[in-house]
Amino acid sequence: MQRKQKGFTLIEIAIVLLIIGMLLGGIMKGQSMINSARVRAIANDLTGIEAAWISFQDRYRSLPGDFSRASTHLITGAVDGNANAIVESGAEAGAVWQHLASAGFISGNFDGAPVASLNDGVCAATTCPGNPYNGFYKIGNSNNALNQANASHELTTGGNIPVEVMYELDLKMDDGVAGTGRLRAFNVAPYDTCVAGDEWDVVNGAADCAAVLELPL
């Protein structure tokens, strides 16, 4: 006896493809919403850190990290700076977060340990606060920003941030151009692959990007 083998009808196939399309669209939309939420989180972090940086100077007449009386005016064992109005060393860059937290301007508990370099996004979780992508914020006097010839106090976003998120952050906080404005691309390897000329290279799709925000004295 022959058995008839029934296949899928065109309508059934169309329904399956429609469902798959809706699922993929939902996933992409969900990822977009997650990225937008993280952009807002980074923007809020940068704005809050900048406010803390300014408020610390207003209260203590010194830069956090550079404060020479930290061990007597903040907490016992705090790292003292040299009071030359520049966060110029790994020791002072590590002390920035200890000073800000001890003074109550940011949340967290940081050990004040020196950072190895001012020219990267690397830091220990016990020393620097983290961004939503498991990178670390850092502050130091450097010229890591794209098209920036002179050193200034820069707040680094930390790495591990996708280039499309970096571009959206720049649009939200500045001019959307990697090489101009207060928020610029971190122009040191490996983050220099995230730009093409003065623009964020969104097409390239780099996954490990960073930016620096110039801080006021």
N, C-alpha and C. Protein backbone atom coordinates (compact mmCIF):
# COMPACT_ATOMS: atom_id res chain seq x y z
N MET A 1 0.84 -1.21 0.00
CA MET A 1 0.00 0.00 0.00
C MET A 1 0.88 1.25 0.00
N GLN A 2 0.53 2.20 -0.79
CA GLN A 2 1.28 3.45 -0.83
C GLN A 2 0.66 4.43 0.16
N ARG A 3 1.60 5.10 0.86
CA ARG A 3 1.15 6.12 1.80
C ARG A 3 1.45 7.51 1.21
N LYS A 4 0.51 8.37 1.35
CA LYS A 4 0.72 9.74 0.90
C LYS A 4 1.53 10.51 1.95
N GLN A 5 2.63 11.14 1.51
CA GLN A 5 3.44 11.95 2.41
C GLN A 5 2.99 13.41 2.30
N LYS A 6 2.52 13.90 3.41
CA LYS A 6 2.03 15.27 3.42
C LYS A 6 3.16 16.22 3.77
N GLY A 7 3.40 17.27 2.99
CA GLY A 7 4.38 18.31 3.29
C GLY A 7 3.70 19.53 3.87
N PHE A 8 4.49 20.56 4.10
CA PHE A 8 3.93 21.80 4.61
C PHE A 8 3.31 22.59 3.46
N THR A 9 2.22 23.20 3.74
CA THR A 9 1.60 24.06 2.73
C THR A 9 2.31 25.41 2.72
N LEU A 10 2.12 26.16 1.67
CA LEU A 10 2.72 27.49 1.58
C LEU A 10 2.26 28.40 2.71
N ILE A 11 1.02 28.23 3.10
CA ILE A 11 0.50 29.05 4.20
C ILE A 11 1.21 28.71 5.51
N GLU A 12 1.43 27.41 5.76
CA GLU A 12 2.13 27.00 6.99
C GLU A 12 3.56 27.50 7.00
N ILE A 13 4.22 27.40 5.84
CA ILE A 13 5.61 27.89 5.75
C ILE A 13 5.65 29.40 5.99
N ALA A 14 4.69 30.09 5.41
CA ALA A 14 4.63 31.55 5.57
C ALA A 14 4.43 31.94 7.03
N ILE A 15 3.57 31.16 7.72
CA ILE A 15 3.32 31.43 9.14
C ILE A 15 4.59 31.21 9.96
N VAL A 16 5.32 30.13 9.68
CA VAL A 16 6.57 29.84 10.40
C VAL A 16 7.59 30.94 10.16
N LEU A 17 7.72 31.36 8.90
CA LEU A 17 8.68 32.42 8.59
C LEU A 17 8.29 33.73 9.27
N LEU A 18 7.00 33.99 9.35
CA LEU A 18 6.52 35.19 10.01
C LEU A 18 6.87 35.17 11.49
N ILE A 19 6.67 34.01 12.11
CA ILE A 19 6.99 33.87 13.54
C ILE A 19 8.49 34.05 13.77
N ILE A 20 9.31 33.42 12.91
CA ILE A 20 10.76 33.56 13.05
C ILE A 20 11.17 35.03 12.90
N GLY A 21 10.57 35.71 11.91
CA GLY A 21 10.88 37.13 11.70
C GLY A 21 10.50 37.98 12.90
N MET A 22 9.36 37.67 13.50
CA MET A 22 8.93 38.43 14.68
C MET A 22 9.87 38.19 15.86
N LEU A 23 10.32 36.93 16.01
CA LEU A 23 11.25 36.62 17.10
C LEU A 23 12.58 37.34 16.92
N LEU A 24 13.10 37.30 15.69
CA LEU A 24 14.36 37.99 15.42
C LEU A 24 14.23 39.50 15.60
N GLY A 25 13.09 40.04 15.14
CA GLY A 25 12.85 41.46 15.33
C GLY A 25 12.78 41.84 16.80
N GLY A 26 12.14 40.97 17.59
CA GLY A 26 12.05 41.22 19.03
C GLY A 26 13.40 41.18 19.69
N ILE A 27 14.25 40.23 19.27
CA ILE A 27 15.59 40.12 19.84
C ILE A 27 16.40 41.37 19.52
N MET A 28 16.34 41.81 18.25
CA MET A 28 17.10 42.99 17.85
C MET A 28 16.59 44.24 18.57
N LYS A 29 15.26 44.34 18.71
CA LYS A 29 14.69 45.47 19.41
C LYS A 29 15.10 45.45 20.87
N GLY A 30 15.10 44.25 21.47
CA GLY A 30 15.50 44.11 22.86
C GLY A 30 16.95 44.53 23.07
N GLN A 31 17.84 44.12 22.14
CA GLN A 31 19.24 44.50 22.25
C GLN A 31 19.41 46.00 22.11
N SER A 32 18.63 46.60 21.21
CA SER A 32 18.69 48.05 21.04
C SER A 32 18.26 48.77 22.31
N MET A 33 17.23 48.26 22.97
CA MET A 33 16.76 48.87 24.22
C MET A 33 17.79 48.72 25.31
N ILE A 34 18.46 47.57 25.36
CA ILE A 34 19.52 47.35 26.35
C ILE A 34 20.66 48.33 26.13
N ASN A 35 21.08 48.48 24.86
CA ASN A 35 22.16 49.41 24.55
C ASN A 35 21.79 50.85 24.92
N SER A 36 20.54 51.24 24.64
CA SER A 36 20.09 52.59 24.96
C SER A 36 20.10 52.82 26.47
N ALA A 37 19.71 51.78 27.22
CA ALA A 37 19.72 51.90 28.68
C ALA A 37 21.15 52.05 29.20
N ARG A 38 22.08 51.33 28.58
CA ARG A 38 23.47 51.43 28.98
C ARG A 38 24.08 52.78 28.60
N VAL A 39 23.66 53.31 27.47
CA VAL A 39 24.10 54.66 27.09
C VAL A 39 23.67 55.66 28.15
N ARG A 40 22.41 55.57 28.58
CA ARG A 40 21.92 56.48 29.61
C ARG A 40 22.70 56.30 30.91
N ALA A 41 23.01 55.03 31.24
CA ALA A 41 23.75 54.76 32.47
C ALA A 41 25.15 55.37 32.42
N ILE A 42 25.85 55.22 31.28
CA ILE A 42 27.19 55.80 31.16
C ILE A 42 27.11 57.32 31.21
N ALA A 43 26.14 57.89 30.51
CA ALA A 43 25.98 59.36 30.52
C ALA A 43 25.72 59.86 31.93
N ASN A 44 24.87 59.16 32.67
CA ASN A 44 24.59 59.55 34.05
C ASN A 44 25.84 59.42 34.92
N ASP A 45 26.61 58.34 34.70
CA ASP A 45 27.85 58.16 35.46
C ASP A 45 28.82 59.31 35.20
N LEU A 46 29.03 59.64 33.93
CA LEU A 46 29.98 60.70 33.58
C LEU A 46 29.54 62.04 34.15
N THR A 47 28.24 62.32 34.05
CA THR A 47 27.72 63.58 34.59
C THR A 47 27.87 63.64 36.10
N GLY A 48 27.59 62.50 36.76
CA GLY A 48 27.73 62.45 38.22
C GLY A 48 29.17 62.57 38.68
N ILE A 49 30.08 61.92 37.96
CA ILE A 49 31.50 62.01 38.31
C ILE A 49 32.02 63.43 38.11
N GLU A 50 31.61 64.06 37.02
CA GLU A 50 32.04 65.44 36.78
C GLU A 50 31.52 66.37 37.88
N ALA A 51 30.30 66.17 38.30
CA ALA A 51 29.73 66.98 39.38
C ALA A 51 30.50 66.76 40.68
N ALA A 52 30.88 65.49 40.94
CA ALA A 52 31.65 65.17 42.14
C ALA A 52 33.03 65.82 42.07
N TRP A 53 33.65 65.79 40.90
CA TRP A 53 34.96 66.40 40.68
C TRP A 53 34.93 67.90 41.01
N ILE A 54 33.89 68.58 40.54
CA ILE A 54 33.75 70.01 40.79
C ILE A 54 33.43 70.28 42.25
N SER A 55 32.54 69.51 42.83
CA SER A 55 32.13 69.72 44.22
C SER A 55 33.28 69.48 45.19
N PHE A 56 34.12 68.50 44.91
CA PHE A 56 35.28 68.24 45.77
C PHE A 56 36.21 69.46 45.78
N GLN A 57 36.45 70.05 44.62
CA GLN A 57 37.31 71.23 44.54
C GLN A 57 36.69 72.40 45.29
N ASP A 58 35.39 72.52 45.19
CA ASP A 58 34.71 73.62 45.87
C ASP A 58 34.83 73.49 47.39
N ARG A 59 34.77 72.25 47.89
CA ARG A 59 34.83 72.04 49.34
C ARG A 59 36.26 72.09 49.88
N TYR A 60 37.20 71.45 49.20
CA TYR A 60 38.55 71.28 49.75
C TYR A 60 39.61 72.15 49.09
N ARG A 61 39.23 72.91 48.06
CA ARG A 61 40.19 73.74 47.33
C ARG A 61 41.36 72.91 46.82
N SER A 62 41.05 71.73 46.36
CA SER A 62 42.07 70.81 45.84
C SER A 62 41.40 69.81 44.92
N LEU A 63 42.19 69.23 44.02
CA LEU A 63 41.66 68.18 43.16
C LEU A 63 41.63 66.85 43.90
N PRO A 64 40.59 66.03 43.70
CA PRO A 64 40.62 64.68 44.27
C PRO A 64 41.80 63.92 43.68
N GLY A 65 42.49 63.18 44.52
CA GLY A 65 43.69 62.47 44.10
C GLY A 65 44.94 63.28 44.36
N ASP A 66 44.83 64.61 44.23
CA ASP A 66 45.96 65.52 44.45
C ASP A 66 45.92 66.14 45.85
N PHE A 67 44.86 65.86 46.60
CA PHE A 67 44.63 66.46 47.92
C PHE A 67 45.70 66.00 48.91
N SER A 68 46.49 66.94 49.43
CA SER A 68 47.63 66.57 50.30
C SER A 68 47.22 66.31 51.75
N ARG A 69 45.98 66.63 52.11
CA ARG A 69 45.53 66.43 53.49
C ARG A 69 44.49 65.31 53.60
N ALA A 70 44.45 64.45 52.61
CA ALA A 70 43.44 63.39 52.60
C ALA A 70 43.50 62.49 53.83
N SER A 71 44.71 62.18 54.28
CA SER A 71 44.86 61.25 55.41
C SER A 71 44.43 61.86 56.74
N THR A 72 44.32 63.18 56.81
CA THR A 72 43.87 63.83 58.05
C THR A 72 42.49 64.46 57.92
N HIS A 73 42.03 64.68 56.69
CA HIS A 73 40.73 65.34 56.50
C HIS A 73 39.65 64.41 55.94
N LEU A 74 40.03 63.25 55.41
CA LEU A 74 39.04 62.33 54.83
C LEU A 74 38.92 61.07 55.67
N ILE A 75 39.84 60.14 55.51
CA ILE A 75 39.84 58.92 56.31
C ILE A 75 41.27 58.55 56.67
N THR A 76 41.42 57.82 57.76
CA THR A 76 42.74 57.33 58.15
C THR A 76 43.26 56.37 57.08
N GLY A 77 44.49 56.57 56.67
CA GLY A 77 45.08 55.70 55.66
C GLY A 77 44.84 56.14 54.24
N ALA A 78 44.15 57.27 54.06
CA ALA A 78 43.93 57.78 52.70
C ALA A 78 45.26 58.19 52.08
N VAL A 79 45.34 58.06 50.77
CA VAL A 79 46.55 58.41 50.04
C VAL A 79 46.60 59.92 49.84
N ASP A 80 47.71 60.54 50.23
CA ASP A 80 47.87 61.98 50.06
C ASP A 80 48.49 62.29 48.70
N GLY A 81 48.00 63.36 48.06
CA GLY A 81 48.59 63.83 46.83
C GLY A 81 49.66 64.87 47.11
N ASN A 82 50.22 65.46 46.07
CA ASN A 82 51.29 66.45 46.27
C ASN A 82 50.83 67.89 46.13
N ALA A 83 49.53 68.10 45.93
CA ALA A 83 48.93 69.44 45.92
C ALA A 83 49.54 70.37 44.88
N ASN A 84 49.85 69.86 43.70
CA ASN A 84 50.35 70.73 42.63
C ASN A 84 49.29 71.02 41.57
N ALA A 85 48.03 70.69 41.89
CA ALA A 85 46.87 70.97 41.01
C ALA A 85 46.88 70.15 39.73
N ILE A 86 47.56 68.99 39.74
CA ILE A 86 47.57 68.10 38.59
C ILE A 86 47.49 66.65 39.09
N VAL A 87 46.56 65.88 38.57
CA VAL A 87 46.52 64.44 38.86
C VAL A 87 47.45 63.80 37.82
N GLU A 88 48.72 63.72 38.18
CA GLU A 88 49.75 63.47 37.18
C GLU A 88 50.38 62.08 37.25
N SER A 89 50.06 61.29 38.25
CA SER A 89 50.72 60.00 38.42
C SER A 89 49.70 58.90 38.61
N GLY A 90 50.17 57.65 38.48
CA GLY A 90 49.30 56.50 38.75
C GLY A 90 48.82 56.47 40.18
N ALA A 91 49.67 56.94 41.10
CA ALA A 91 49.29 56.97 42.51
C ALA A 91 48.14 57.94 42.74
N GLU A 92 48.22 59.13 42.16
CA GLU A 92 47.16 60.11 42.34
C GLU A 92 45.89 59.71 41.59
N ALA A 93 46.05 59.10 40.40
CA ALA A 93 44.88 58.64 39.64
C ALA A 93 44.13 57.56 40.41
N GLY A 94 44.86 56.70 41.11
CA GLY A 94 44.21 55.68 41.93
C GLY A 94 43.54 56.28 43.15
N ALA A 95 44.12 57.36 43.68
CA ALA A 95 43.57 57.99 44.88
C ALA A 95 42.32 58.82 44.60
N VAL A 96 42.10 59.20 43.34
CA VAL A 96 40.94 60.03 42.97
C VAL A 96 39.65 59.46 43.54
N TRP A 97 39.44 58.17 43.32
CA TRP A 97 38.16 57.55 43.68
C TRP A 97 38.05 57.35 45.19
N GLN A 98 39.18 57.08 45.83
CA GLN A 98 39.17 56.98 47.29
C GLN A 98 38.79 58.33 47.90
N HIS A 99 39.34 59.41 47.38
CA HIS A 99 39.04 60.73 47.90
C HIS A 99 37.57 61.10 47.68
N LEU A 100 37.07 60.86 46.45
CA LEU A 100 35.69 61.21 46.15
C LEU A 100 34.70 60.42 47.01
N ALA A 101 34.97 59.11 47.16
CA ALA A 101 34.07 58.26 47.96
C ALA A 101 34.14 58.61 49.44
N SER A 102 35.35 58.85 49.94
CA SER A 102 35.52 59.17 51.36
C SER A 102 34.85 60.50 51.71
N ALA A 103 34.82 61.41 50.73
CA ALA A 103 34.18 62.70 50.96
C ALA A 103 32.67 62.64 50.77
N GLY A 104 32.17 61.49 50.30
CA GLY A 104 30.74 61.31 50.13
C GLY A 104 30.18 61.79 48.81
N PHE A 105 31.05 62.07 47.84
CA PHE A 105 30.57 62.57 46.55
C PHE A 105 30.21 61.47 45.57
N ILE A 106 30.73 60.28 45.76
CA ILE A 106 30.34 59.11 44.97
C ILE A 106 30.13 57.94 45.92
N SER A 107 29.43 56.93 45.48
CA SER A 107 29.22 55.74 46.30
C SER A 107 30.33 54.74 46.03
N GLY A 108 30.55 53.83 46.96
CA GLY A 108 31.57 52.81 46.79
C GLY A 108 32.66 52.92 47.84
N ASN A 109 33.53 51.93 47.84
CA ASN A 109 34.65 51.88 48.77
C ASN A 109 35.89 51.50 47.98
N PHE A 110 36.82 52.44 47.83
CA PHE A 110 37.97 52.23 46.96
C PHE A 110 39.27 52.32 47.75
N ASP A 111 40.23 51.48 47.37
CA ASP A 111 41.44 51.31 48.18
C ASP A 111 42.53 52.34 47.92
N GLY A 112 42.42 53.15 46.87
CA GLY A 112 43.43 54.16 46.60
C GLY A 112 44.72 53.62 46.03
N ALA A 113 44.73 52.37 45.59
CA ALA A 113 45.95 51.78 45.04
C ALA A 113 46.32 52.46 43.72
N PRO A 114 47.61 52.56 43.40
CA PRO A 114 48.02 53.20 42.15
C PRO A 114 47.52 52.43 40.93
N VAL A 115 47.22 53.16 39.87
CA VAL A 115 46.92 52.53 38.58
C VAL A 115 48.22 52.43 37.80
N ALA A 116 48.32 51.42 36.95
CA ALA A 116 49.59 51.17 36.25
C ALA A 116 49.88 52.25 35.22
N SER A 117 48.85 52.79 34.57
CA SER A 117 49.06 53.75 33.50
C SER A 117 47.86 54.67 33.37
N LEU A 118 48.12 55.90 32.92
CA LEU A 118 47.04 56.84 32.61
C LEU A 118 46.60 56.71 31.17
N ASN A 119 47.29 55.86 30.40
CA ASN A 119 47.06 55.78 28.96
C ASN A 119 46.34 54.51 28.52
N ASP A 120 45.53 53.94 29.41
CA ASP A 120 44.72 52.78 29.03
C ASP A 120 43.45 52.78 29.86
N GLY A 121 42.61 51.80 29.65
CA GLY A 121 41.36 51.69 30.39
C GLY A 121 41.39 50.61 31.44
N VAL A 122 42.60 50.24 31.87
CA VAL A 122 42.76 49.13 32.80
C VAL A 122 42.82 49.63 34.24
N CYS A 123 42.08 48.98 35.11
CA CYS A 123 42.11 49.31 36.54
C CYS A 123 41.53 48.13 37.32
N ALA A 124 41.82 48.08 38.59
CA ALA A 124 41.26 47.03 39.45
C ALA A 124 39.88 47.46 39.95
N ALA A 125 39.00 46.50 40.14
CA ALA A 125 37.66 46.80 40.61
C ALA A 125 37.66 47.39 42.02
N THR A 126 38.72 47.13 42.78
CA THR A 126 38.83 47.67 44.14
C THR A 126 39.33 49.11 44.15
N THR A 127 39.81 49.57 42.98
CA THR A 127 40.41 50.90 42.90
C THR A 127 39.56 51.89 42.13
N CYS A 128 38.93 51.44 41.03
CA CYS A 128 38.16 52.33 40.16
C CYS A 128 36.73 51.84 40.00
N PRO A 129 35.76 52.73 39.87
CA PRO A 129 34.37 52.30 39.60
C PRO A 129 34.24 51.76 38.18
N GLY A 130 33.30 50.85 37.97
CA GLY A 130 33.15 50.20 36.69
C GLY A 130 32.04 50.78 35.84
N ASN A 131 32.19 50.66 34.51
CA ASN A 131 31.12 51.05 33.60
C ASN A 131 30.20 49.86 33.34
N PRO A 132 29.07 50.03 32.66
CA PRO A 132 28.13 48.92 32.45
C PRO A 132 28.66 47.78 31.59
N TYR A 133 29.83 47.96 30.97
CA TYR A 133 30.40 46.92 30.10
C TYR A 133 31.65 46.29 30.72
N ASN A 134 31.78 46.39 32.03
CA ASN A 134 32.90 45.79 32.77
C ASN A 134 34.24 46.44 32.45
N GLY A 135 34.21 47.69 32.00
CA GLY A 135 35.41 48.50 31.92
C GLY A 135 35.47 49.38 33.16
N PHE A 136 36.49 50.26 33.24
CA PHE A 136 36.67 51.05 34.46
C PHE A 136 36.91 52.53 34.15
N TYR A 137 36.21 53.37 34.88
CA TYR A 137 36.43 54.81 34.77
C TYR A 137 37.77 55.18 35.40
N LYS A 138 38.46 56.13 34.77
CA LYS A 138 39.73 56.62 35.30
C LYS A 138 39.81 58.13 35.06
N ILE A 139 40.54 58.80 35.93
CA ILE A 139 40.80 60.23 35.77
C ILE A 139 42.30 60.47 35.90
N GLY A 140 42.86 61.24 34.98
CA GLY A 140 44.27 61.61 35.06
C GLY A 140 44.58 62.71 34.07
N ASN A 141 45.70 63.36 34.27
CA ASN A 141 46.14 64.41 33.35
C ASN A 141 46.88 63.77 32.19
N SER A 142 46.27 63.80 31.01
CA SER A 142 46.84 63.12 29.84
C SER A 142 46.29 63.75 28.57
N ASN A 143 46.76 63.28 27.43
CA ASN A 143 46.21 63.74 26.14
C ASN A 143 45.86 62.52 25.29
N ASN A 144 44.99 61.68 25.82
CA ASN A 144 44.55 60.48 25.12
C ASN A 144 43.43 60.75 24.12
N ALA A 145 42.83 61.94 24.18
CA ALA A 145 41.70 62.25 23.30
C ALA A 145 42.16 62.47 21.87
N LEU A 146 41.37 62.02 20.93
CA LEU A 146 41.65 62.20 19.51
C LEU A 146 41.74 63.70 19.18
N ASN A 147 42.79 64.07 18.44
CA ASN A 147 43.05 65.45 18.02
C ASN A 147 43.32 66.39 19.18
N GLN A 148 43.75 65.87 20.31
CA GLN A 148 44.06 66.71 21.46
C GLN A 148 45.57 66.74 21.65
N ALA A 149 46.18 67.90 21.41
CA ALA A 149 47.63 68.01 21.49
C ALA A 149 48.12 68.25 22.91
N ASN A 150 47.37 69.01 23.68
CA ASN A 150 47.80 69.38 25.03
C ASN A 150 47.13 68.50 26.08
N ALA A 151 47.87 68.22 27.12
CA ALA A 151 47.34 67.40 28.22
C ALA A 151 46.29 68.18 29.01
N SER A 152 45.30 67.47 29.49
CA SER A 152 44.28 68.04 30.37
C SER A 152 43.76 66.92 31.25
N HIS A 153 42.93 67.28 32.22
CA HIS A 153 42.34 66.23 33.07
C HIS A 153 41.21 65.55 32.30
N GLU A 154 41.41 64.27 32.05
CA GLU A 154 40.47 63.49 31.24
C GLU A 154 39.81 62.40 32.08
N LEU A 155 38.51 62.30 31.93
CA LEU A 155 37.73 61.21 32.52
C LEU A 155 37.52 60.16 31.45
N THR A 156 38.11 59.00 31.64
CA THR A 156 38.03 57.91 30.66
C THR A 156 36.82 57.04 30.96
N THR A 157 36.10 56.67 29.92
CA THR A 157 34.90 55.83 30.10
C THR A 157 35.24 54.38 30.44
N GLY A 158 36.49 53.98 30.20
CA GLY A 158 36.83 52.56 30.28
C GLY A 158 36.49 51.86 28.99
N GLY A 159 37.05 50.70 28.78
CA GLY A 159 36.87 49.98 27.52
C GLY A 159 35.70 49.02 27.52
N ASN A 160 35.71 48.13 26.54
CA ASN A 160 34.68 47.09 26.33
C ASN A 160 33.35 47.64 25.84
N ILE A 161 33.33 48.89 25.38
CA ILE A 161 32.09 49.50 24.93
C ILE A 161 32.00 49.40 23.41
N PRO A 162 30.94 48.81 22.86
CA PRO A 162 30.79 48.72 21.40
C PRO A 162 30.77 50.10 20.75
N VAL A 163 31.29 50.19 19.53
CA VAL A 163 31.43 51.48 18.87
C VAL A 163 30.07 52.14 18.63
N GLU A 164 29.02 51.36 18.35
CA GLU A 164 27.71 51.98 18.12
C GLU A 164 27.16 52.61 19.40
N VAL A 165 27.51 52.03 20.55
CA VAL A 165 27.10 52.61 21.83
C VAL A 165 27.90 53.88 22.10
N MET A 166 29.19 53.85 21.73
CA MET A 166 30.04 55.01 21.91
C MET A 166 29.53 56.19 21.08
N TYR A 167 29.12 55.89 19.85
CA TYR A 167 28.57 56.92 18.98
C TYR A 167 27.29 57.50 19.56
N GLU A 168 26.41 56.64 20.05
CA GLU A 168 25.15 57.10 20.64
C GLU A 168 25.41 57.94 21.89
N LEU A 169 26.42 57.55 22.67
CA LEU A 169 26.78 58.33 23.85
C LEU A 169 27.28 59.71 23.45
N ASP A 170 28.11 59.77 22.40
CA ASP A 170 28.62 61.05 21.92
C ASP A 170 27.48 61.95 21.42
N LEU A 171 26.52 61.36 20.73
CA LEU A 171 25.36 62.14 20.29
C LEU A 171 24.57 62.68 21.48
N LYS A 172 24.46 61.89 22.51
CA LYS A 172 23.67 62.28 23.68
C LYS A 172 24.35 63.37 24.49
N MET A 173 25.69 63.29 24.62
CA MET A 173 26.40 64.20 25.51
C MET A 173 27.13 65.33 24.81
N ASP A 174 27.40 65.15 23.49
CA ASP A 174 28.25 66.11 22.82
C ASP A 174 27.77 66.32 21.37
N ASP A 175 28.72 66.25 20.41
CA ASP A 175 28.39 66.56 19.03
C ASP A 175 28.31 65.34 18.11
N GLY A 176 28.55 64.14 18.65
CA GLY A 176 28.49 62.93 17.84
C GLY A 176 29.71 62.69 16.98
N VAL A 177 30.73 63.54 17.09
CA VAL A 177 31.94 63.41 16.29
C VAL A 177 33.08 62.98 17.20
N ALA A 178 33.79 61.92 16.80
CA ALA A 178 34.82 61.34 17.66
C ALA A 178 36.00 62.25 17.88
N GLY A 179 36.26 63.16 16.94
CA GLY A 179 37.47 63.97 17.02
C GLY A 179 37.28 65.41 17.42
N THR A 180 36.06 65.78 17.85
CA THR A 180 35.81 67.16 18.28
C THR A 180 34.93 67.17 19.53
N GLY A 181 34.87 68.33 20.19
CA GLY A 181 34.01 68.48 21.36
C GLY A 181 34.69 68.08 22.65
N ARG A 182 33.93 68.06 23.72
CA ARG A 182 34.47 67.67 25.04
C ARG A 182 34.59 66.17 25.19
N LEU A 183 33.69 65.41 24.53
CA LEU A 183 33.76 63.96 24.56
C LEU A 183 34.37 63.48 23.25
N ARG A 184 35.55 62.84 23.35
CA ARG A 184 36.25 62.41 22.15
C ARG A 184 36.69 60.96 22.29
N ALA A 185 37.05 60.38 21.17
CA ALA A 185 37.53 59.00 21.17
C ALA A 185 38.85 58.89 21.90
N PHE A 186 39.03 57.80 22.60
CA PHE A 186 40.31 57.46 23.23
C PHE A 186 41.23 57.00 22.10
N ASN A 187 42.26 57.79 21.83
CA ASN A 187 43.07 57.57 20.63
C ASN A 187 44.36 56.79 20.92
N VAL A 188 44.27 55.79 21.76
CA VAL A 188 45.41 54.94 22.09
C VAL A 188 44.99 53.49 21.89
N ALA A 189 45.89 52.67 21.33
CA ALA A 189 45.59 51.26 21.11
C ALA A 189 45.16 50.59 22.42
N PRO A 190 44.18 49.68 22.39
CA PRO A 190 43.52 49.14 21.20
C PRO A 190 42.28 49.92 20.74
N TYR A 191 41.99 51.04 21.42
CA TYR A 191 40.74 51.75 21.16
C TYR A 191 40.79 52.58 19.88
N ASP A 192 41.99 52.79 19.29
CA ASP A 192 42.10 53.62 18.10
C ASP A 192 41.50 52.96 16.86
N THR A 193 41.13 51.69 16.95
CA THR A 193 40.48 51.02 15.81
C THR A 193 38.99 51.37 15.72
N CYS A 194 38.50 52.16 16.65
CA CYS A 194 37.07 52.47 16.71
C CYS A 194 36.70 53.70 15.90
N VAL A 195 37.69 54.36 15.29
CA VAL A 195 37.41 55.57 14.54
C VAL A 195 37.97 55.48 13.13
N ALA A 196 37.39 56.25 12.23
CA ALA A 196 37.90 56.44 10.87
C ALA A 196 37.95 57.94 10.64
N GLY A 197 39.15 58.49 10.60
CA GLY A 197 39.27 59.94 10.57
C GLY A 197 38.81 60.53 11.87
N ASP A 198 37.85 61.42 11.82
CA ASP A 198 37.29 62.04 13.02
C ASP A 198 35.96 61.41 13.44
N GLU A 199 35.54 60.36 12.75
CA GLU A 199 34.22 59.78 12.99
C GLU A 199 34.29 58.43 13.71
N TRP A 200 33.25 58.13 14.48
CA TRP A 200 33.11 56.80 15.04
C TRP A 200 32.83 55.84 13.89
N ASP A 201 33.63 54.78 13.78
CA ASP A 201 33.49 53.85 12.65
C ASP A 201 32.47 52.76 13.01
N VAL A 202 31.20 53.14 12.95
CA VAL A 202 30.13 52.21 13.34
C VAL A 202 30.07 51.01 12.40
N VAL A 203 30.37 51.22 11.13
CA VAL A 203 30.33 50.12 10.15
C VAL A 203 31.33 49.04 10.52
N ASN A 204 32.49 49.44 11.04
CA ASN A 204 33.52 48.47 11.41
C ASN A 204 33.07 47.56 12.54
N GLY A 205 32.20 48.06 13.42
CA GLY A 205 31.61 47.24 14.48
C GLY A 205 32.56 46.84 15.58
N ALA A 206 33.57 47.65 15.87
CA ALA A 206 34.51 47.32 16.95
C ALA A 206 33.77 47.17 18.28
N ALA A 207 34.20 46.20 19.07
CA ALA A 207 33.50 45.90 20.32
C ALA A 207 34.22 46.43 21.56
N ASP A 208 35.44 46.93 21.39
CA ASP A 208 36.22 47.40 22.54
C ASP A 208 36.64 48.84 22.30
N CYS A 209 35.77 49.77 22.66
CA CYS A 209 36.02 51.19 22.42
C CYS A 209 35.96 51.96 23.74
N ALA A 210 36.51 53.17 23.70
CA ALA A 210 36.51 54.03 24.88
C ALA A 210 36.53 55.47 24.43
N ALA A 211 36.16 56.36 25.35
CA ALA A 211 36.20 57.79 25.07
C ALA A 211 36.71 58.50 26.30
N VAL A 212 37.07 59.76 26.12
CA VAL A 212 37.50 60.59 27.25
C VAL A 212 36.68 61.87 27.27
N LEU A 213 36.33 62.30 28.46
CA LEU A 213 35.59 63.55 28.67
C LEU A 213 36.54 64.53 29.34
N GLU A 214 36.75 65.69 28.74
CA GLU A 214 37.63 66.69 29.32
C GLU A 214 36.95 67.32 30.54
N LEU A 215 37.64 67.33 31.67
CA LEU A 215 37.09 67.85 32.90
C LEU A 215 37.56 69.28 33.15
N PRO A 216 36.73 70.10 33.77
CA PRO A 216 37.15 71.47 34.12
C PRO A 216 38.06 71.45 35.33
N LEU A 217 38.94 72.44 35.39
CA LEU A 217 39.79 72.58 36.58
C LEU A 217 39.00 73.20 37.71
